[in-house]
Amino acid sequence: MIPLVLWLGCSGDQGPTADAMTQVIVSRAAHVRQSRLYAHVEALSSIHSRWMHYDPGTTATLDWLGETLADQGTPAVADSFVIHRIRDIPTANLVVTLPGQTRPNEYVLVGAHWDCQSYPESWTDSTARAAGAIDNATGVAALVELARVLADAPLARTVQIIFWAGEEIGMFGSRRVATAWRHPAAGDSLVCVVNVDMIGWDGDLRRDASLVCDTLSAPLAGAALPYAQLAASPLLVDSLNRGTGSWGVSSDHLQFWYYALPAIWLHEGIADAYPFANHAADSLPDLQPDYLADATRALVGTVMALAEPITP
């Protein structure tokens, strides 16, 4: 294993050893609860539609997220804005901030889009049913659980957990954040973005997942990979280097790649991705809860490695 301080550390401190990091990360990942993840996906997919042009559904989604995050002690702040797409859509990214203890101006962002669609039904009838269980209630559930698991974890860097709006109609929420990070506040720096999209279905039953990266973020993915693997074992986690124009990489991390900002996509695997994404057939019975739990543990390992745990 490569200690993260060799490639991320820029403050001059020595940071934790690889063995100490492993113990802390694996222990923390064990706090992930499959039952909570399932309940979150069930609640989100029971909303009639999270399509951005279906106002009752988007309101219900944001209300559920706000209440659920507050109830578990990780309240979110709404970053409200208006999407101009066919009509004006008032919406919001929800942001949970876990301040870093020694390097709070160095940020690790973790995001998942909360909207969904049923294609082509949603585009012709905004009231059409769109459960979006795998795409992307699984990613949202993982972020809610990540916030709970890391709430009291001592980390060097600040972790911001962001629930993106409007991915299905143009990645508007992630674009808003990426644009802001082109000109960060004085003293702030972006370590990496981890995008989570579709982590609840293992089509070939190989029990694997991927950290999809571009050339810029490949060293970050490679260094975090051992910790993701150990946290998620027996799930097999690999690193897959893909460019912005590659097939099968269309999700919110692209907005950061476009601006040459480091970003990784945690995904169930491009080669055996869920076949009913963006369709009405995307529903709760297709969820594999144990796979979602393992993938969420991989997320905990990835994020903690990037944010660098403070060890005894």
Protein backbone atom coordinates (compact mmCIF):
# COMPACT_ATOMS: atom_id res chain seq x y z
CA MET A 1 0.00 0.00 0.00
CA ILE A 2 1.12 3.54 -0.73
CA PRO A 3 0.68 5.99 2.15
CA LEU A 4 -1.46 8.84 0.89
CA VAL A 5 0.94 11.44 2.22
CA LEU A 6 3.32 10.54 -0.62
CA TRP A 7 0.95 11.90 -3.23
CA LEU A 8 -1.64 14.02 -1.45
CA GLY A 9 0.06 15.50 1.57
CA CYS A 10 1.29 19.02 1.07
CA SER A 11 1.26 20.34 4.61
CA GLY A 12 4.53 18.84 5.78
CA ASP A 13 3.07 16.52 8.42
CA GLN A 14 3.89 12.83 8.31
CA GLY A 15 0.30 11.56 8.30
CA PRO A 16 -0.79 8.09 9.41
CA THR A 17 1.03 4.92 8.43
CA ALA A 18 -0.61 2.57 5.95
CA ASP A 19 -1.23 -0.05 8.66
CA ALA A 20 -2.87 2.47 10.98
CA MET A 21 -5.03 3.80 8.15
CA THR A 22 -6.12 0.29 7.24
CA GLN A 23 -7.25 -0.49 10.78
CA VAL A 24 -9.20 2.75 11.15
CA ILE A 25 -10.82 2.57 7.71
CA VAL A 26 -11.85 -1.08 7.88
CA SER A 27 -13.27 -0.56 11.36
CA ARG A 28 -15.28 2.46 10.25
CA ALA A 29 -16.58 0.74 7.08
CA ALA A 30 -17.98 -2.03 9.27
CA HIS A 31 -20.49 0.53 10.60
CA VAL A 32 -22.37 0.46 7.27
CA ARG A 33 -25.80 -1.11 7.76
CA GLN A 34 -27.46 -2.96 4.89
CA SER A 35 -30.91 -2.54 6.46
CA ARG A 36 -30.58 1.25 6.48
CA LEU A 37 -29.45 1.31 2.86
CA TYR A 38 -32.40 -0.84 1.79
CA ALA A 39 -34.84 1.37 3.69
CA HIS A 40 -33.44 4.47 1.97
CA VAL A 41 -33.74 2.97 -1.52
CA GLU A 42 -37.24 1.76 -0.69
CA ALA A 43 -38.30 5.22 0.47
CA LEU A 44 -36.82 7.03 -2.52
CA SER A 45 -38.17 4.60 -5.10
CA SER A 46 -41.64 4.80 -3.53
CA ILE A 47 -41.84 8.49 -4.51
CA HIS A 48 -43.95 8.49 -7.67
CA SER A 49 -41.23 10.18 -9.72
CA ARG A 50 -38.03 12.12 -9.05
CA TRP A 51 -38.07 13.52 -12.60
CA MET A 52 -37.01 17.18 -12.61
CA HIS A 53 -40.18 18.26 -14.45
CA TYR A 54 -42.45 16.58 -11.87
CA ASP A 55 -42.59 19.16 -9.08
CA PRO A 56 -44.47 17.07 -6.47
CA GLY A 57 -41.79 14.38 -6.72
CA THR A 58 -38.78 16.68 -6.55
CA THR A 59 -40.29 18.48 -3.56
CA ALA A 60 -40.94 15.17 -1.81
CA THR A 61 -37.40 14.02 -2.54
CA LEU A 62 -35.74 17.12 -1.14
CA ASP A 63 -38.04 17.01 1.90
CA TRP A 64 -37.19 13.35 2.53
CA LEU A 65 -33.47 13.99 2.18
CA GLY A 66 -33.55 17.00 4.49
CA GLU A 67 -35.53 15.18 7.17
CA THR A 68 -33.55 11.94 6.97
CA LEU A 69 -30.19 13.69 7.17
CA ALA A 70 -31.32 15.87 10.07
CA ASP A 71 -32.77 12.90 11.97
CA GLN A 72 -29.43 11.06 11.86
CA GLY A 73 -27.51 14.11 13.06
CA THR A 74 -25.99 15.19 9.74
CA PRO A 75 -28.12 18.16 8.65
CA ALA A 76 -27.79 19.48 5.12
CA VAL A 77 -27.72 23.01 3.75
CA ALA A 78 -29.68 23.70 0.56
CA ASP A 79 -27.78 25.35 -2.28
CA SER A 80 -30.81 26.64 -4.19
CA PHE A 81 -30.74 27.62 -7.85
CA VAL A 82 -32.92 27.59 -10.97
CA ILE A 83 -32.46 25.22 -13.91
CA HIS A 84 -33.41 26.75 -17.25
CA ARG A 85 -34.46 23.72 -19.30
CA ILE A 86 -37.73 23.94 -21.29
CA ARG A 87 -39.06 25.87 -18.29
CA ASP A 88 -37.60 27.41 -15.13
CA ILE A 89 -37.15 24.75 -12.46
CA PRO A 90 -36.39 25.94 -8.91
CA THR A 91 -34.32 23.24 -7.24
CA ALA A 92 -31.33 22.64 -4.97
CA ASN A 93 -28.22 20.65 -4.27
CA LEU A 94 -28.18 19.52 -0.64
CA VAL A 95 -24.79 19.73 1.06
CA VAL A 96 -23.56 18.03 4.24
CA THR A 97 -20.20 19.34 5.43
CA LEU A 98 -17.94 17.34 7.75
CA PRO A 99 -15.11 19.74 8.66
CA GLY A 100 -11.54 18.49 8.56
CA GLN A 101 -9.61 18.72 11.81
CA THR A 102 -6.11 19.63 10.64
CA ARG A 103 -6.48 20.70 6.98
CA PRO A 104 -10.03 22.04 6.74
CA ASN A 105 -9.32 24.03 3.56
CA GLU A 106 -8.54 20.85 1.61
CA TYR A 107 -11.79 19.36 0.30
CA VAL A 108 -12.93 15.90 -0.72
CA LEU A 109 -16.33 16.11 -2.43
CA VAL A 110 -18.68 13.13 -2.63
CA GLY A 111 -21.75 13.39 -4.84
CA ALA A 112 -24.75 11.45 -6.14
CA HIS A 113 -27.67 12.69 -8.23
CA TRP A 114 -31.08 12.42 -6.60
CA ASP A 115 -33.24 12.84 -9.72
CA CYS A 116 -34.30 10.09 -12.12
CA GLN A 117 -36.32 9.49 -15.27
CA SER A 118 -38.23 6.89 -17.25
CA TYR A 119 -37.28 7.23 -20.90
CA PRO A 120 -39.14 8.09 -23.06
CA GLU A 121 -42.24 8.31 -20.85
CA SER A 122 -40.98 11.13 -18.61
CA TRP A 123 -40.22 13.32 -21.62
CA THR A 124 -43.75 13.02 -23.01
CA ASP A 125 -45.63 12.91 -19.70
CA SER A 126 -44.01 14.59 -16.71
CA THR A 127 -46.34 12.67 -14.37
CA ALA A 128 -45.18 9.23 -15.56
CA ARG A 129 -43.95 6.79 -12.93
CA ALA A 130 -40.15 6.86 -12.47
CA ALA A 131 -38.91 4.87 -9.48
CA GLY A 132 -35.19 5.13 -10.22
CA ALA A 133 -34.26 2.48 -7.66
CA ILE A 134 -30.85 1.56 -9.07
CA ASP A 135 -30.33 4.84 -10.96
CA ASN A 136 -29.80 6.50 -8.61
CA ALA A 137 -31.54 5.84 -5.33
CA THR A 138 -28.62 3.51 -4.61
CA GLY A 139 -26.09 6.32 -4.87
CA VAL A 140 -28.22 8.63 -2.73
CA ALA A 141 -28.69 5.93 -0.09
CA ALA A 142 -24.94 5.33 -0.01
CA LEU A 143 -24.27 9.03 0.58
CA VAL A 144 -26.84 9.24 3.37
CA GLU A 145 -25.19 6.25 5.05
CA LEU A 146 -21.72 7.68 4.40
CA ALA A 147 -22.70 10.87 6.22
CA ARG A 148 -23.87 8.86 9.24
CA VAL A 149 -20.79 6.62 9.32
CA LEU A 150 -18.31 9.50 9.00
CA ALA A 151 -20.17 12.00 11.21
CA ASP A 152 -17.80 11.54 14.16
CA ALA A 153 -14.77 10.24 12.27
CA PRO A 154 -11.65 12.37 12.82
CA LEU A 155 -10.42 13.28 9.33
CA ALA A 156 -7.67 15.68 8.33
CA ARG A 157 -9.51 17.10 5.32
CA THR A 158 -13.05 18.42 4.97
CA VAL A 159 -15.58 16.08 3.37
CA GLN A 160 -18.55 17.64 1.59
CA ILE A 161 -21.37 15.26 0.70
CA ILE A 162 -23.47 16.72 -2.11
CA PHE A 163 -26.77 15.46 -3.45
CA TRP A 164 -26.77 16.75 -7.03
CA ALA A 165 -29.91 17.99 -8.79
CA GLY A 166 -30.68 17.64 -12.48
CA GLU A 167 -28.25 14.99 -13.69
CA GLU A 168 -30.81 13.42 -16.01
CA ILE A 169 -31.50 16.67 -17.88
CA GLY A 170 -27.95 17.98 -18.21
CA MET A 171 -25.93 17.46 -15.00
CA PHE A 172 -26.92 20.90 -13.75
CA GLY A 173 -26.18 20.34 -10.07
CA SER A 174 -22.68 18.97 -10.58
CA ARG A 175 -21.97 21.57 -13.24
CA ARG A 176 -22.80 24.27 -10.71
CA VAL A 177 -20.30 22.85 -8.21
CA ALA A 178 -17.59 22.21 -10.81
CA THR A 179 -17.91 25.77 -12.12
CA ALA A 180 -17.48 27.14 -8.61
CA TRP A 181 -14.32 25.07 -8.10
CA ARG A 182 -12.71 26.59 -11.18
CA HIS A 183 -12.18 29.68 -9.01
CA PRO A 184 -12.09 28.45 -5.39
CA ALA A 185 -12.08 30.70 -2.37
CA ALA A 186 -8.68 31.90 -1.26
CA GLY A 187 -6.81 29.13 0.52
CA ASP A 188 -9.22 26.36 -0.50
CA SER A 189 -8.10 23.41 -2.62
CA LEU A 190 -9.94 20.48 -4.16
CA VAL A 191 -8.32 17.12 -3.45
CA CYS A 192 -10.78 14.96 -5.39
CA VAL A 193 -14.44 14.39 -6.26
CA VAL A 194 -16.03 10.96 -5.79
CA ASN A 195 -19.22 10.57 -7.82
CA VAL A 196 -21.53 7.67 -6.93
CA ASP A 197 -24.00 6.51 -9.56
CA MET A 198 -25.63 3.06 -9.78
CA ILE A 199 -24.13 0.71 -7.19
CA GLY A 200 -26.98 -1.70 -6.50
CA TRP A 201 -26.93 -4.35 -9.24
CA ASP A 202 -24.25 -6.91 -10.06
CA GLY A 203 -25.21 -8.29 -13.46
CA ASP A 204 -22.55 -10.95 -13.91
CA LEU A 205 -22.41 -11.93 -10.22
CA ARG A 206 -18.65 -11.38 -10.13
CA ARG A 207 -19.05 -9.20 -7.02
CA ASP A 208 -17.00 -6.36 -8.43
CA ALA A 209 -17.12 -2.57 -8.73
CA SER A 210 -14.96 0.06 -10.37
CA LEU A 211 -13.32 3.35 -9.51
CA VAL A 212 -13.59 4.96 -12.95
CA CYS A 213 -11.02 7.71 -13.49
CA ASP A 214 -9.31 9.78 -16.14
CA THR A 215 -5.56 10.27 -16.49
CA LEU A 216 -5.50 13.20 -14.06
CA SER A 217 -7.32 11.32 -11.31
CA ALA A 218 -5.72 7.91 -11.94
CA PRO A 219 -3.04 8.36 -9.22
CA LEU A 220 -5.77 9.24 -6.72
CA ALA A 221 -7.87 6.23 -7.67
CA GLY A 222 -4.83 3.99 -7.56
CA ALA A 223 -3.77 5.14 -4.11
CA ALA A 224 -7.28 4.92 -2.64
CA LEU A 225 -7.99 1.56 -4.27
CA PRO A 226 -6.31 -0.71 -1.66
CA TYR A 227 -8.36 0.89 1.11
CA ALA A 228 -11.59 0.61 -0.89
CA GLN A 229 -10.82 -3.06 -1.50
CA LEU A 230 -10.06 -3.85 2.13
CA ALA A 231 -13.11 -1.95 3.36
CA ALA A 232 -15.41 -3.77 0.93
CA SER A 233 -13.93 -7.29 1.02
CA PRO A 234 -15.00 -9.73 -0.41
CA LEU A 235 -16.18 -7.28 -3.07
CA LEU A 236 -13.50 -6.87 -5.76
CA VAL A 237 -12.76 -3.23 -6.57
CA ASP A 238 -10.70 -2.23 -9.58
CA SER A 239 -9.52 1.02 -11.13
CA LEU A 240 -10.60 1.79 -14.70
CA ASN A 241 -8.99 4.67 -16.62
CA ARG A 242 -11.44 6.16 -19.12
CA GLY A 243 -11.44 9.50 -20.97
CA THR A 244 -14.20 12.08 -21.18
CA GLY A 245 -15.30 10.83 -24.59
CA SER A 246 -15.40 7.13 -23.72
CA TRP A 247 -18.58 5.12 -23.98
CA GLY A 248 -20.40 4.44 -20.75
CA VAL A 249 -18.96 7.19 -18.57
CA SER A 250 -21.80 9.73 -18.67
CA SER A 251 -22.43 10.91 -15.13
CA ASP A 252 -21.73 13.89 -12.89
CA HIS A 253 -17.96 13.34 -12.62
CA LEU A 254 -17.70 14.46 -16.24
CA GLN A 255 -18.38 18.06 -15.26
CA PHE A 256 -15.15 18.03 -13.25
CA TRP A 257 -13.15 16.24 -15.92
CA TYR A 258 -14.18 18.92 -18.42
CA TYR A 259 -12.46 21.52 -16.20
CA ALA A 260 -9.39 19.35 -15.51
CA LEU A 261 -10.46 18.81 -11.90
CA PRO A 262 -9.75 15.42 -10.30
CA ALA A 263 -12.78 13.15 -10.07
CA ILE A 264 -13.51 9.44 -9.63
CA TRP A 265 -16.73 7.57 -10.36
CA LEU A 266 -17.69 4.65 -8.11
CA HIS A 267 -19.85 2.43 -10.31
CA GLU A 268 -21.08 -1.14 -10.41
CA GLY A 269 -19.04 -1.76 -13.55
CA ILE A 270 -19.37 -0.44 -17.08
CA ALA A 271 -19.17 -3.89 -18.69
CA ASP A 272 -22.15 -5.26 -16.75
CA ALA A 273 -24.03 -2.06 -15.89
CA TYR A 274 -27.71 -2.21 -14.99
CA PRO A 275 -29.64 -2.57 -18.28
CA PHE A 276 -32.77 -0.69 -17.18
CA ALA A 277 -31.16 2.60 -16.13
CA ASN A 278 -33.35 5.56 -17.12
CA HIS A 279 -36.30 3.26 -17.83
CA ALA A 280 -39.59 2.47 -16.11
CA ALA A 281 -38.35 -1.05 -15.35
CA ASP A 282 -35.77 0.34 -12.90
CA SER A 283 -37.45 -0.76 -9.68
CA LEU A 284 -36.84 -1.98 -6.14
CA PRO A 285 -37.05 -5.75 -6.85
CA ASP A 286 -33.85 -5.48 -8.92
CA LEU A 287 -31.85 -4.15 -5.97
CA GLN A 288 -29.20 -6.49 -4.55
CA PRO A 289 -28.97 -5.19 -0.96
CA ASP A 290 -25.80 -7.06 0.01
CA TYR A 291 -24.01 -5.74 -3.06
CA LEU A 292 -25.12 -2.18 -2.26
CA ALA A 293 -23.78 -2.57 1.28
CA ASP A 294 -20.40 -3.81 0.06
CA ALA A 295 -20.17 -1.01 -2.52
CA THR A 296 -21.00 1.52 0.19
CA ARG A 297 -18.16 0.13 2.29
CA ALA A 298 -15.90 0.61 -0.72
CA LEU A 299 -17.10 4.22 -0.79
CA VAL A 300 -16.23 4.65 2.89
CA GLY A 301 -12.75 3.29 2.21
CA THR A 302 -12.22 5.53 -0.79
CA VAL A 303 -13.40 8.71 0.91
CA MET A 304 -11.54 8.10 4.15
CA ALA A 305 -8.32 7.39 2.27
CA LEU A 306 -8.67 10.63 0.34
CA ALA A 307 -9.62 12.65 3.42
CA GLU A 308 -6.89 10.97 5.51
CA PRO A 309 -8.05 9.66 8.89
CA ILE A 310 -6.41 10.96 12.03
CA THR A 311 -5.17 7.87 13.85
CA PRO A 312 -4.26 7.43 17.53
